[in-house]
């Protein structure tokens, strides 16, 4: 995958130098996640290469806004809630939550780059049932191969009276990496149980075309 020209020079040098080693690691990850399914293997490989190319990206400007929304709207979170960050890519997302008081955070990503992030696939989350109080997913669900599976996995690992926050881009041209345009909240919520409570659904207040959503799962 070609590196973007806006990536700083030192990062491009590092990524080019590490490409042979990373290629072998990616091949192992693809094998681990695809279970012999060639189509799914291609999907996983494309997602990992995209993530690798953005592994140094600092998205704190939007992440801090998202964390503030969580703190404002997830009012029934227990003390020191267990948080699952899906697809954080690097440490910036986890740092944003930690600095806001959410310190018990675990990340899961196809290409983990921080000790707090475990290797895993959102279509088959490597966690026990009823484990987390909050799922945080920033610009992740549009990358799903089968969002119905992802939604079921989210519900499975969440406790009763738990929350899901996500920010999803809408009204864009889908491709092999950014695969799903939900377009509306209704197209998103239909993947979750009927008694799922809508706490928040609002468009971005700036020019960004995205929805910011908070759901609550009461049982």
N, C-alpha and C. Protein backbone atom coordinates (compact mmCIF):
# COMPACT_ATOMS: atom_id res chain seq x y z
N UNK A 1 0.85 -1.19 0.00
CA UNK A 1 0.00 0.00 0.00
C UNK A 1 0.89 1.25 0.00
N UNK A 2 0.58 2.20 -0.85
CA UNK A 2 1.38 3.40 -0.98
C UNK A 2 1.16 4.31 0.22
N UNK A 3 2.25 4.88 0.76
CA UNK A 3 2.15 5.76 1.91
C UNK A 3 1.69 7.14 1.48
N UNK A 4 0.83 7.75 2.29
CA UNK A 4 0.31 9.07 1.98
C UNK A 4 1.42 10.11 2.04
N UNK A 5 1.35 11.10 1.15
CA UNK A 5 2.40 12.11 1.07
C UNK A 5 2.38 13.04 2.28
N UNK A 6 1.26 13.11 3.02
CA UNK A 6 1.18 14.01 4.16
C UNK A 6 1.77 13.39 5.43
N UNK A 7 2.21 12.12 5.37
CA UNK A 7 2.87 11.50 6.51
C UNK A 7 4.26 12.10 6.67
N UNK A 8 4.64 12.52 7.89
CA UNK A 8 5.97 13.11 8.10
C UNK A 8 7.08 12.19 7.59
N UNK A 9 8.19 12.81 7.19
CA UNK A 9 9.28 12.07 6.56
C UNK A 9 9.81 10.95 7.45
N UNK A 10 10.00 11.22 8.74
CA UNK A 10 10.58 10.19 9.61
C UNK A 10 9.66 8.98 9.71
N UNK A 11 8.34 9.22 9.67
CA UNK A 11 7.40 8.11 9.73
C UNK A 11 7.45 7.29 8.45
N UNK A 12 7.57 7.97 7.32
CA UNK A 12 7.66 7.24 6.05
C UNK A 12 8.94 6.40 5.99
N UNK A 13 10.04 6.97 6.50
CA UNK A 13 11.30 6.21 6.53
C UNK A 13 11.14 4.97 7.41
N UNK A 14 10.54 5.16 8.57
CA UNK A 14 10.33 4.03 9.49
C UNK A 14 9.46 2.96 8.84
N UNK A 15 8.33 3.36 8.28
CA UNK A 15 7.39 2.39 7.71
C UNK A 15 8.01 1.64 6.53
N UNK A 16 8.80 2.34 5.72
CA UNK A 16 9.47 1.66 4.60
C UNK A 16 10.52 0.68 5.12
N UNK A 17 11.28 1.09 6.14
CA UNK A 17 12.33 0.23 6.68
C UNK A 17 11.73 -1.02 7.34
N UNK A 18 10.58 -0.85 7.96
CA UNK A 18 9.96 -1.95 8.69
C UNK A 18 9.04 -2.80 7.82
N UNK A 19 8.87 -2.43 6.56
CA UNK A 19 7.90 -3.12 5.72
C UNK A 19 8.15 -4.63 5.61
N UNK A 20 9.40 -5.09 5.40
CA UNK A 20 9.61 -6.55 5.30
C UNK A 20 9.20 -7.28 6.57
N UNK A 21 9.58 -6.74 7.73
CA UNK A 21 9.21 -7.37 9.00
C UNK A 21 7.70 -7.31 9.21
N UNK A 22 7.11 -6.16 8.94
CA UNK A 22 5.68 -6.00 9.12
C UNK A 22 4.91 -6.91 8.16
N UNK A 23 5.43 -7.10 6.96
CA UNK A 23 4.75 -7.97 5.99
C UNK A 23 4.60 -9.39 6.54
N UNK A 24 5.65 -9.88 7.19
CA UNK A 24 5.58 -11.22 7.77
C UNK A 24 4.59 -11.26 8.94
N UNK A 25 4.62 -10.22 9.74
CA UNK A 25 3.69 -10.16 10.88
C UNK A 25 2.25 -10.05 10.39
N UNK A 26 2.03 -9.25 9.36
CA UNK A 26 0.68 -9.11 8.81
C UNK A 26 0.19 -10.44 8.25
N UNK A 27 1.07 -11.16 7.58
CA UNK A 27 0.69 -12.46 7.03
C UNK A 27 0.24 -13.41 8.14
N UNK A 28 0.93 -13.38 9.27
CA UNK A 28 0.54 -14.22 10.41
C UNK A 28 -0.81 -13.79 10.96
N UNK A 29 -1.01 -12.47 11.09
CA UNK A 29 -2.29 -11.97 11.60
C UNK A 29 -3.44 -12.34 10.68
N UNK A 30 -3.21 -12.21 9.39
CA UNK A 30 -4.25 -12.56 8.42
C UNK A 30 -4.63 -14.03 8.56
N UNK A 31 -3.63 -14.87 8.69
CA UNK A 31 -3.88 -16.30 8.86
C UNK A 31 -4.67 -16.58 10.14
N UNK A 32 -4.31 -15.89 11.22
CA UNK A 32 -4.98 -16.09 12.50
C UNK A 32 -6.46 -15.71 12.42
N UNK A 33 -6.77 -14.63 11.71
CA UNK A 33 -8.13 -14.10 11.71
C UNK A 33 -9.03 -14.69 10.62
N UNK A 34 -8.45 -15.16 9.52
CA UNK A 34 -9.26 -15.52 8.36
C UNK A 34 -9.73 -16.97 8.38
N UNK A 35 -9.04 -17.85 9.10
CA UNK A 35 -9.44 -19.25 9.24
C UNK A 35 -9.67 -19.90 7.88
N UNK A 36 -8.77 -19.61 6.93
CA UNK A 36 -8.83 -20.26 5.62
C UNK A 36 -9.81 -19.65 4.64
N UNK A 37 -10.54 -18.61 5.02
CA UNK A 37 -11.50 -17.95 4.14
C UNK A 37 -10.73 -16.91 3.32
N UNK A 38 -10.54 -17.15 2.03
CA UNK A 38 -9.70 -16.29 1.21
C UNK A 38 -10.28 -14.89 1.06
N UNK A 39 -11.59 -14.78 0.96
CA UNK A 39 -12.22 -13.46 0.83
C UNK A 39 -12.05 -12.65 2.11
N UNK A 40 -12.24 -13.31 3.24
CA UNK A 40 -12.07 -12.61 4.51
C UNK A 40 -10.59 -12.28 4.74
N UNK A 41 -9.71 -13.16 4.31
CA UNK A 41 -8.28 -12.90 4.42
C UNK A 41 -7.90 -11.62 3.66
N UNK A 42 -8.44 -11.45 2.48
CA UNK A 42 -8.16 -10.24 1.70
C UNK A 42 -8.67 -9.00 2.43
N UNK A 43 -9.88 -9.12 3.01
CA UNK A 43 -10.44 -8.01 3.78
C UNK A 43 -9.52 -7.64 4.95
N UNK A 44 -9.11 -8.63 5.73
CA UNK A 44 -8.26 -8.39 6.90
C UNK A 44 -6.94 -7.75 6.48
N UNK A 45 -6.34 -8.27 5.43
CA UNK A 45 -5.07 -7.74 4.97
C UNK A 45 -5.19 -6.26 4.57
N UNK A 46 -6.24 -5.91 3.86
CA UNK A 46 -6.44 -4.52 3.46
C UNK A 46 -6.61 -3.62 4.67
N UNK A 47 -7.36 -4.10 5.66
CA UNK A 47 -7.58 -3.29 6.85
C UNK A 47 -6.29 -3.08 7.64
N UNK A 48 -5.49 -4.13 7.75
CA UNK A 48 -4.25 -4.00 8.52
C UNK A 48 -3.26 -3.06 7.83
N UNK A 49 -3.11 -3.19 6.52
CA UNK A 49 -2.18 -2.29 5.82
C UNK A 49 -2.62 -0.84 5.95
N UNK A 50 -3.93 -0.61 5.90
CA UNK A 50 -4.43 0.76 6.07
C UNK A 50 -4.12 1.26 7.48
N UNK A 51 -4.35 0.41 8.48
CA UNK A 51 -4.07 0.79 9.86
C UNK A 51 -2.59 1.05 10.07
N UNK A 52 -1.76 0.19 9.51
CA UNK A 52 -0.31 0.37 9.65
C UNK A 52 0.11 1.72 9.10
N UNK A 53 -0.40 2.11 7.97
CA UNK A 53 -0.03 3.38 7.36
C UNK A 53 -0.44 4.59 8.18
N UNK A 54 -1.41 4.39 9.12
CA UNK A 54 -1.89 5.51 9.94
C UNK A 54 -1.57 5.30 11.42
N UNK A 55 -0.60 4.43 11.71
CA UNK A 55 -0.38 4.04 13.10
C UNK A 55 0.16 5.15 13.98
N UNK A 56 0.66 6.23 13.38
CA UNK A 56 1.15 7.36 14.16
C UNK A 56 0.16 8.53 14.19
N UNK A 57 -0.98 8.37 13.55
CA UNK A 57 -1.93 9.47 13.43
C UNK A 57 -2.48 9.89 14.79
N UNK A 58 -2.44 11.17 15.06
CA UNK A 58 -2.98 11.73 16.30
C UNK A 58 -4.34 12.36 16.01
N UNK A 59 -5.39 11.71 16.49
CA UNK A 59 -6.76 12.21 16.27
C UNK A 59 -7.35 12.80 17.54
N UNK A 60 -6.50 13.32 18.41
CA UNK A 60 -6.98 13.82 19.70
C UNK A 60 -8.01 14.93 19.55
N UNK A 61 -7.93 15.73 18.52
CA UNK A 61 -8.88 16.84 18.37
C UNK A 61 -10.31 16.35 18.33
N UNK A 62 -10.56 15.22 17.68
CA UNK A 62 -11.93 14.69 17.66
C UNK A 62 -12.16 13.72 18.81
N UNK A 63 -11.12 12.98 19.22
CA UNK A 63 -11.29 12.01 20.30
C UNK A 63 -11.69 12.68 21.60
N UNK A 64 -11.11 13.83 21.91
CA UNK A 64 -11.45 14.53 23.14
C UNK A 64 -12.92 14.95 23.14
N UNK A 65 -13.43 15.33 21.97
CA UNK A 65 -14.85 15.67 21.85
C UNK A 65 -15.71 14.44 22.14
N UNK A 66 -15.32 13.30 21.57
CA UNK A 66 -16.08 12.07 21.77
C UNK A 66 -16.08 11.64 23.24
N UNK A 67 -14.93 11.74 23.88
CA UNK A 67 -14.85 11.34 25.29
C UNK A 67 -15.73 12.26 26.15
N UNK A 68 -15.76 13.54 25.84
CA UNK A 68 -16.64 14.47 26.55
C UNK A 68 -18.10 14.07 26.39
N UNK A 69 -18.49 13.61 25.19
CA UNK A 69 -19.86 13.16 24.97
C UNK A 69 -20.17 11.93 25.82
N UNK A 70 -19.21 11.02 25.92
CA UNK A 70 -19.40 9.84 26.77
C UNK A 70 -19.63 10.25 28.21
N UNK A 71 -18.81 11.13 28.72
CA UNK A 71 -18.93 11.55 30.11
C UNK A 71 -20.24 12.30 30.36
N UNK A 72 -20.72 13.01 29.34
CA UNK A 72 -21.96 13.77 29.48
C UNK A 72 -23.19 12.88 29.45
N UNK A 73 -23.18 11.87 28.60
CA UNK A 73 -24.41 11.12 28.34
C UNK A 73 -24.45 9.72 28.97
N UNK A 74 -23.32 9.16 29.32
CA UNK A 74 -23.32 7.83 29.94
C UNK A 74 -23.35 8.00 31.46
N UNK A 75 -24.47 8.46 31.95
CA UNK A 75 -24.56 8.92 33.34
C UNK A 75 -24.65 7.79 34.36
N UNK A 76 -24.95 6.58 33.92
CA UNK A 76 -25.11 5.46 34.86
C UNK A 76 -23.88 4.55 34.89
N UNK A 77 -22.77 5.01 34.36
CA UNK A 77 -21.55 4.21 34.43
C UNK A 77 -21.13 4.02 35.89
N UNK A 78 -20.66 2.84 36.25
CA UNK A 78 -20.18 2.63 37.62
C UNK A 78 -18.84 3.31 37.84
N UNK A 79 -18.38 3.32 39.08
CA UNK A 79 -17.04 3.82 39.37
C UNK A 79 -16.01 2.93 38.69
N UNK A 80 -15.01 3.55 38.11
CA UNK A 80 -13.94 2.84 37.40
C UNK A 80 -14.51 1.81 36.41
N UNK A 81 -15.30 2.27 35.44
CA UNK A 81 -15.93 1.33 34.50
C UNK A 81 -14.91 0.64 33.61
N UNK A 82 -15.25 -0.59 33.22
CA UNK A 82 -14.43 -1.31 32.26
C UNK A 82 -14.82 -0.85 30.86
N UNK A 83 -13.84 -0.33 30.13
CA UNK A 83 -14.10 0.24 28.81
C UNK A 83 -13.37 -0.58 27.76
N UNK A 84 -14.07 -0.88 26.67
CA UNK A 84 -13.45 -1.52 25.51
C UNK A 84 -13.38 -0.51 24.38
N UNK A 85 -12.17 -0.23 23.94
CA UNK A 85 -11.94 0.64 22.79
C UNK A 85 -11.69 -0.25 21.57
N UNK A 86 -12.62 -0.21 20.62
CA UNK A 86 -12.50 -1.04 19.42
C UNK A 86 -11.78 -0.24 18.33
N UNK A 87 -10.70 -0.84 17.82
CA UNK A 87 -9.97 -0.21 16.72
C UNK A 87 -9.30 1.10 17.05
N UNK A 88 -8.61 1.22 18.19
CA UNK A 88 -7.99 2.50 18.53
C UNK A 88 -6.75 2.84 17.71
N UNK A 89 -6.14 1.84 17.10
CA UNK A 89 -4.97 2.00 16.24
C UNK A 89 -3.69 2.30 17.01
N UNK A 90 -3.73 3.28 17.93
CA UNK A 90 -2.54 3.64 18.69
C UNK A 90 -2.95 4.15 20.07
N UNK A 91 -2.01 4.77 20.77
CA UNK A 91 -2.23 5.13 22.17
C UNK A 91 -3.07 6.38 22.37
N UNK A 92 -3.27 7.20 21.34
CA UNK A 92 -3.91 8.49 21.54
C UNK A 92 -5.34 8.37 22.08
N UNK A 93 -6.09 7.41 21.57
CA UNK A 93 -7.46 7.22 22.02
C UNK A 93 -7.50 6.81 23.49
N UNK A 94 -6.62 5.88 23.87
CA UNK A 94 -6.57 5.42 25.24
C UNK A 94 -6.11 6.53 26.17
N UNK A 95 -5.17 7.35 25.72
CA UNK A 95 -4.68 8.47 26.52
C UNK A 95 -5.78 9.50 26.75
N UNK A 96 -6.58 9.76 25.72
CA UNK A 96 -7.67 10.72 25.85
C UNK A 96 -8.64 10.29 26.94
N UNK A 97 -8.97 9.01 26.97
CA UNK A 97 -9.89 8.52 27.99
C UNK A 97 -9.24 8.54 29.37
N UNK A 98 -7.98 8.14 29.43
CA UNK A 98 -7.29 8.11 30.73
C UNK A 98 -7.23 9.50 31.35
N UNK A 99 -6.94 10.50 30.54
CA UNK A 99 -6.83 11.86 31.05
C UNK A 99 -8.18 12.43 31.48
N UNK A 100 -9.26 11.79 31.04
CA UNK A 100 -10.61 12.22 31.44
C UNK A 100 -11.18 11.38 32.57
N UNK A 101 -10.36 10.49 33.11
CA UNK A 101 -10.79 9.70 34.26
C UNK A 101 -11.21 8.29 33.95
N UNK A 102 -11.24 7.91 32.67
CA UNK A 102 -11.56 6.53 32.28
C UNK A 102 -10.25 5.77 32.17
N UNK A 103 -9.84 5.17 33.26
CA UNK A 103 -8.49 4.59 33.34
C UNK A 103 -8.47 3.08 33.12
N UNK A 104 -9.62 2.44 33.20
CA UNK A 104 -9.68 0.98 33.07
C UNK A 104 -10.10 0.63 31.63
N UNK A 105 -9.20 0.87 30.70
CA UNK A 105 -9.52 0.76 29.28
C UNK A 105 -8.67 -0.33 28.63
N UNK A 106 -9.31 -1.17 27.84
CA UNK A 106 -8.63 -2.17 27.03
C UNK A 106 -8.94 -1.89 25.56
N UNK A 107 -7.92 -1.89 24.74
CA UNK A 107 -8.12 -1.72 23.31
C UNK A 107 -8.05 -3.06 22.60
N UNK A 108 -8.71 -3.15 21.45
CA UNK A 108 -8.61 -4.35 20.61
C UNK A 108 -8.48 -3.89 19.16
N UNK A 109 -7.51 -4.46 18.46
CA UNK A 109 -7.23 -4.02 17.10
C UNK A 109 -6.57 -5.15 16.32
N UNK A 110 -6.78 -5.16 15.01
CA UNK A 110 -6.10 -6.12 14.15
C UNK A 110 -4.59 -5.90 14.14
N UNK A 111 -4.16 -4.65 14.41
CA UNK A 111 -2.75 -4.28 14.37
C UNK A 111 -2.43 -3.46 15.62
N UNK A 112 -2.26 -4.12 16.77
CA UNK A 112 -2.02 -3.38 18.01
C UNK A 112 -0.62 -2.77 18.05
N UNK A 113 -0.54 -1.54 18.58
CA UNK A 113 0.74 -0.83 18.64
C UNK A 113 1.03 -0.31 20.04
N UNK A 114 0.29 -0.78 21.04
CA UNK A 114 0.46 -0.31 22.41
C UNK A 114 0.17 -1.49 23.34
N UNK A 115 0.87 -1.60 24.46
CA UNK A 115 0.64 -2.73 25.36
C UNK A 115 -0.79 -2.84 25.89
N UNK A 116 -1.51 -1.73 25.87
CA UNK A 116 -2.90 -1.74 26.36
C UNK A 116 -3.88 -2.24 25.30
N UNK A 117 -3.38 -2.52 24.10
CA UNK A 117 -4.23 -2.98 23.00
C UNK A 117 -3.92 -4.44 22.71
N UNK A 118 -4.95 -5.28 22.73
CA UNK A 118 -4.76 -6.70 22.43
C UNK A 118 -5.10 -6.96 20.97
N UNK A 119 -4.49 -7.99 20.42
CA UNK A 119 -4.77 -8.36 19.04
C UNK A 119 -6.13 -9.06 18.99
N UNK A 120 -7.00 -8.55 18.14
CA UNK A 120 -8.32 -9.16 18.04
C UNK A 120 -9.12 -8.55 16.92
N UNK A 121 -10.23 -9.22 16.61
CA UNK A 121 -11.12 -8.87 15.51
C UNK A 121 -12.48 -8.51 16.08
N UNK A 122 -13.03 -7.36 15.69
CA UNK A 122 -14.33 -6.95 16.22
C UNK A 122 -15.45 -7.90 15.81
N UNK A 123 -15.22 -8.72 14.81
CA UNK A 123 -16.23 -9.71 14.41
C UNK A 123 -16.23 -10.93 15.34
N UNK A 124 -15.20 -11.06 16.17
CA UNK A 124 -15.08 -12.19 17.09
C UNK A 124 -14.25 -11.73 18.28
N UNK A 125 -14.83 -10.90 19.11
CA UNK A 125 -14.08 -10.24 20.19
C UNK A 125 -13.54 -11.27 21.18
N UNK A 126 -12.25 -11.16 21.55
CA UNK A 126 -11.61 -12.15 22.42
C UNK A 126 -11.83 -11.87 23.90
N UNK A 127 -13.10 -11.68 24.30
CA UNK A 127 -13.43 -11.37 25.68
C UNK A 127 -14.65 -12.17 26.11
N UNK A 128 -14.78 -12.35 27.43
CA UNK A 128 -15.91 -13.09 27.99
C UNK A 128 -17.21 -12.31 27.82
N UNK A 129 -18.32 -13.00 27.95
CA UNK A 129 -19.63 -12.36 27.97
C UNK A 129 -19.75 -11.42 29.17
N UNK A 130 -20.58 -10.38 29.03
CA UNK A 130 -20.91 -9.49 30.15
C UNK A 130 -19.65 -8.95 30.84
N UNK A 131 -18.75 -8.42 30.06
CA UNK A 131 -17.43 -8.06 30.60
C UNK A 131 -17.22 -6.55 30.73
N UNK A 132 -17.82 -5.76 29.84
CA UNK A 132 -17.52 -4.33 29.78
C UNK A 132 -18.74 -3.47 30.12
N UNK A 133 -18.46 -2.27 30.65
CA UNK A 133 -19.51 -1.29 30.96
C UNK A 133 -19.72 -0.31 29.81
N UNK A 134 -18.73 -0.20 28.94
CA UNK A 134 -18.80 0.77 27.84
C UNK A 134 -17.96 0.29 26.67
N UNK A 135 -18.50 0.40 25.48
CA UNK A 135 -17.72 0.23 24.25
C UNK A 135 -17.58 1.59 23.59
N UNK A 136 -16.36 1.89 23.18
CA UNK A 136 -16.04 3.15 22.52
C UNK A 136 -15.49 2.80 21.14
N UNK A 137 -16.13 3.33 20.09
CA UNK A 137 -15.72 2.98 18.72
C UNK A 137 -15.73 4.25 17.87
N UNK A 138 -14.57 4.77 17.61
CA UNK A 138 -14.42 6.00 16.83
C UNK A 138 -14.02 5.67 15.40
N UNK A 139 -14.94 5.90 14.45
CA UNK A 139 -14.66 5.67 13.03
C UNK A 139 -14.14 4.26 12.80
N UNK A 140 -14.90 3.30 13.29
CA UNK A 140 -14.52 1.89 13.22
C UNK A 140 -15.55 1.06 12.49
N UNK A 141 -16.82 1.23 12.82
CA UNK A 141 -17.85 0.33 12.32
C UNK A 141 -18.02 0.39 10.81
N UNK A 142 -17.65 1.49 10.19
CA UNK A 142 -17.74 1.58 8.73
C UNK A 142 -16.75 0.66 8.04
N UNK A 143 -15.78 0.13 8.80
CA UNK A 143 -14.79 -0.79 8.25
C UNK A 143 -15.22 -2.25 8.34
N UNK A 144 -16.38 -2.51 8.89
CA UNK A 144 -16.78 -3.90 9.16
C UNK A 144 -17.03 -4.68 7.87
N UNK A 145 -16.73 -5.95 7.97
CA UNK A 145 -17.01 -6.89 6.88
C UNK A 145 -18.46 -7.35 6.96
N UNK A 146 -18.94 -7.58 8.17
CA UNK A 146 -20.31 -8.02 8.43
C UNK A 146 -20.75 -7.35 9.72
N UNK A 147 -21.43 -6.22 9.61
CA UNK A 147 -21.74 -5.47 10.82
C UNK A 147 -22.75 -6.19 11.71
N UNK A 148 -23.57 -7.04 11.16
CA UNK A 148 -24.49 -7.82 12.00
C UNK A 148 -23.70 -8.64 13.03
N UNK A 149 -22.59 -9.24 12.61
CA UNK A 149 -21.73 -9.99 13.53
C UNK A 149 -21.10 -9.07 14.56
N UNK A 150 -20.64 -7.92 14.12
CA UNK A 150 -20.01 -6.96 15.02
C UNK A 150 -20.99 -6.52 16.10
N UNK A 151 -22.21 -6.19 15.70
CA UNK A 151 -23.22 -5.75 16.66
C UNK A 151 -23.51 -6.83 17.69
N UNK A 152 -23.62 -8.07 17.25
CA UNK A 152 -23.87 -9.18 18.18
C UNK A 152 -22.72 -9.35 19.16
N UNK A 153 -21.49 -9.18 18.68
CA UNK A 153 -20.33 -9.28 19.55
C UNK A 153 -20.32 -8.15 20.59
N UNK A 154 -20.69 -6.96 20.18
CA UNK A 154 -20.75 -5.85 21.12
C UNK A 154 -21.76 -6.13 22.23
N UNK A 155 -22.93 -6.58 21.84
CA UNK A 155 -23.97 -6.88 22.83
C UNK A 155 -23.51 -8.01 23.75
N UNK A 156 -22.83 -8.98 23.21
CA UNK A 156 -22.38 -10.13 24.00
C UNK A 156 -21.41 -9.73 25.12
N UNK A 157 -20.45 -8.86 24.81
CA UNK A 157 -19.42 -8.54 25.80
C UNK A 157 -19.83 -7.42 26.75
N UNK A 158 -20.95 -6.76 26.48
CA UNK A 158 -21.41 -5.69 27.36
C UNK A 158 -22.25 -6.24 28.51
N UNK A 159 -22.11 -5.62 29.68
CA UNK A 159 -22.92 -5.97 30.84
C UNK A 159 -24.32 -5.37 30.71
N UNK A 160 -25.19 -5.71 31.64
CA UNK A 160 -26.48 -5.03 31.74
C UNK A 160 -26.25 -3.57 32.15
N UNK A 161 -27.12 -2.71 31.70
CA UNK A 161 -27.02 -1.27 31.98
C UNK A 161 -25.69 -0.68 31.51
N UNK A 162 -25.28 -1.12 30.33
CA UNK A 162 -24.02 -0.66 29.75
C UNK A 162 -24.29 0.25 28.57
N UNK A 163 -23.21 0.81 28.01
CA UNK A 163 -23.33 1.79 26.94
C UNK A 163 -22.43 1.44 25.76
N UNK A 164 -22.83 1.95 24.62
CA UNK A 164 -21.99 1.92 23.42
C UNK A 164 -21.95 3.32 22.85
N UNK A 165 -20.75 3.86 22.69
CA UNK A 165 -20.57 5.11 21.96
C UNK A 165 -19.89 4.82 20.64
N UNK A 166 -20.37 5.46 19.59
CA UNK A 166 -19.66 5.37 18.31
C UNK A 166 -19.83 6.66 17.53
N UNK A 167 -18.83 6.92 16.71
CA UNK A 167 -18.90 7.99 15.71
C UNK A 167 -18.71 7.32 14.36
N UNK A 168 -19.65 7.54 13.46
CA UNK A 168 -19.60 6.88 12.15
C UNK A 168 -19.75 7.92 11.04
N UNK A 169 -18.87 7.92 10.06
CA UNK A 169 -19.02 8.83 8.93
C UNK A 169 -20.20 8.42 8.07
N UNK A 170 -20.83 9.37 7.45
CA UNK A 170 -21.97 9.10 6.56
C UNK A 170 -21.82 9.92 5.28
N UNK A 171 -22.57 9.49 4.28
CA UNK A 171 -22.62 10.22 3.01
C UNK A 171 -21.23 10.35 2.39
N UNK A 172 -20.58 9.21 2.17
CA UNK A 172 -19.27 9.19 1.55
C UNK A 172 -19.21 8.02 0.58
N UNK A 173 -18.19 7.99 -0.25
CA UNK A 173 -18.04 6.93 -1.23
C UNK A 173 -17.36 5.72 -0.59
N UNK A 174 -18.07 4.62 -0.54
CA UNK A 174 -17.50 3.42 0.08
C UNK A 174 -16.47 2.80 -0.85
N UNK A 175 -15.58 1.99 -0.22
CA UNK A 175 -14.54 1.32 -0.98
C UNK A 175 -14.15 0.02 -0.31
N UNK A 176 -12.95 -0.44 -0.57
CA UNK A 176 -12.52 -1.72 -0.03
C UNK A 176 -12.11 -1.63 1.43
N UNK A 177 -11.81 -0.44 1.93
CA UNK A 177 -11.42 -0.26 3.33
C UNK A 177 -12.54 0.39 4.12
N UNK A 178 -13.02 1.54 3.67
CA UNK A 178 -14.20 2.17 4.25
C UNK A 178 -15.42 1.59 3.53
N UNK A 179 -16.03 0.59 4.13
CA UNK A 179 -16.91 -0.31 3.40
C UNK A 179 -18.41 -0.01 3.55
N UNK A 180 -18.80 0.62 4.65
CA UNK A 180 -20.22 0.72 4.98
C UNK A 180 -20.61 2.17 5.21
N UNK A 181 -21.60 2.64 4.49
CA UNK A 181 -22.21 3.94 4.77
C UNK A 181 -23.60 3.66 5.35
N UNK A 182 -23.74 3.84 6.66
CA UNK A 182 -25.03 3.57 7.29
C UNK A 182 -26.09 4.59 6.89
N UNK A 183 -25.66 5.77 6.51
CA UNK A 183 -26.52 6.85 6.01
C UNK A 183 -27.40 7.48 7.08
N UNK A 184 -28.12 6.66 7.86
CA UNK A 184 -29.05 7.18 8.86
C UNK A 184 -28.90 6.39 10.16
N UNK A 185 -29.40 6.97 11.23
CA UNK A 185 -29.41 6.28 12.52
C UNK A 185 -30.26 5.03 12.44
N UNK A 186 -31.37 5.10 11.73
CA UNK A 186 -32.27 3.94 11.62
C UNK A 186 -31.57 2.74 10.99
N UNK A 187 -30.72 3.00 10.02
CA UNK A 187 -29.98 1.91 9.38
C UNK A 187 -28.93 1.31 10.31
N UNK A 188 -28.53 2.07 11.31
CA UNK A 188 -27.55 1.58 12.29
C UNK A 188 -28.23 0.82 13.42
N UNK A 189 -29.25 1.40 14.00
CA UNK A 189 -29.88 0.82 15.20
C UNK A 189 -30.57 -0.50 14.92
N UNK A 190 -30.93 -0.77 13.68
CA UNK A 190 -31.66 -2.00 13.37
C UNK A 190 -30.84 -3.26 13.65
N UNK A 191 -29.54 -3.13 13.82
CA UNK A 191 -28.70 -4.29 14.09
C UNK A 191 -28.68 -4.67 15.57
N UNK A 192 -29.30 -3.86 16.41
CA UNK A 192 -29.27 -4.09 17.85
C UNK A 192 -30.64 -4.52 18.36
N UNK A 193 -30.72 -5.10 19.56
CA UNK A 193 -32.01 -5.55 20.10
C UNK A 193 -33.04 -4.43 20.13
N UNK A 194 -34.32 -4.82 20.02
CA UNK A 194 -35.40 -3.83 19.93
C UNK A 194 -35.49 -2.93 21.16
N UNK A 195 -35.10 -3.45 22.31
CA UNK A 195 -35.21 -2.65 23.53
C UNK A 195 -33.97 -1.79 23.80
N UNK A 196 -33.08 -1.70 22.84
CA UNK A 196 -31.92 -0.83 22.99
C UNK A 196 -32.38 0.62 23.10
N UNK A 197 -31.85 1.32 24.08
CA UNK A 197 -32.27 2.70 24.34
C UNK A 197 -31.36 3.69 23.61
N UNK A 198 -31.97 4.59 22.88
CA UNK A 198 -31.20 5.65 22.23
C UNK A 198 -31.00 6.79 23.21
N UNK A 199 -29.75 7.04 23.57
CA UNK A 199 -29.42 8.14 24.48
C UNK A 199 -29.04 9.38 23.70
N UNK A 200 -28.31 9.18 22.61
CA UNK A 200 -27.84 10.31 21.80
C UNK A 200 -27.72 9.88 20.36
N UNK A 201 -28.17 10.74 19.48
CA UNK A 201 -27.88 10.61 18.05
C UNK A 201 -27.88 12.00 17.47
N UNK A 202 -26.70 12.48 17.15
CA UNK A 202 -26.60 13.84 16.63
C UNK A 202 -25.55 13.89 15.53
N UNK A 203 -25.77 14.75 14.55
CA UNK A 203 -24.72 14.94 13.53
C UNK A 203 -23.60 15.77 14.11
N UNK A 204 -22.45 15.73 13.48
CA UNK A 204 -21.33 16.56 13.89
C UNK A 204 -21.72 18.03 13.78
N UNK A 205 -21.20 18.84 14.69
CA UNK A 205 -21.55 20.26 14.69
C UNK A 205 -20.70 21.05 13.71
N UNK A 206 -19.65 20.44 13.18
CA UNK A 206 -18.83 21.13 12.19
C UNK A 206 -19.17 20.60 10.80
N UNK A 207 -18.26 20.74 9.87
CA UNK A 207 -18.54 20.33 8.49
C UNK A 207 -18.40 18.83 8.28
N UNK A 208 -17.94 18.10 9.30
CA UNK A 208 -17.75 16.66 9.19
C UNK A 208 -19.08 15.96 9.03
N UNK A 209 -19.18 15.05 8.06
CA UNK A 209 -20.41 14.29 7.87
C UNK A 209 -20.31 13.00 8.66
N UNK A 210 -20.84 13.03 9.88
CA UNK A 210 -20.80 11.86 10.72
C UNK A 210 -21.96 11.92 11.72
N UNK A 211 -22.27 10.75 12.27
CA UNK A 211 -23.23 10.66 13.35
C UNK A 211 -22.49 10.26 14.62
N UNK A 212 -22.89 10.87 15.72
CA UNK A 212 -22.35 10.54 17.03
C UNK A 212 -23.47 9.91 17.85
N UNK A 213 -23.26 8.70 18.29
CA UNK A 213 -24.35 7.89 18.83
C UNK A 213 -23.96 7.33 20.19
N UNK A 214 -24.91 7.36 21.12
CA UNK A 214 -24.80 6.66 22.39
C UNK A 214 -26.02 5.78 22.56
N UNK A 215 -25.80 4.48 22.77
CA UNK A 215 -26.86 3.53 23.03
C UNK A 215 -26.70 2.98 24.44
N UNK A 216 -27.84 2.57 25.05
CA UNK A 216 -27.81 1.95 26.37
C UNK A 216 -28.52 0.60 26.29
N UNK A 217 -27.91 -0.40 26.91
CA UNK A 217 -28.44 -1.76 26.90
C UNK A 217 -28.86 -2.10 28.32
N UNK A 218 -30.16 -2.17 28.53
CA UNK A 218 -30.69 -2.30 29.87
C UNK A 218 -30.80 -3.74 30.34
N UNK A 219 -30.89 -4.69 29.41
CA UNK A 219 -30.91 -6.10 29.83
C UNK A 219 -30.49 -6.96 28.65
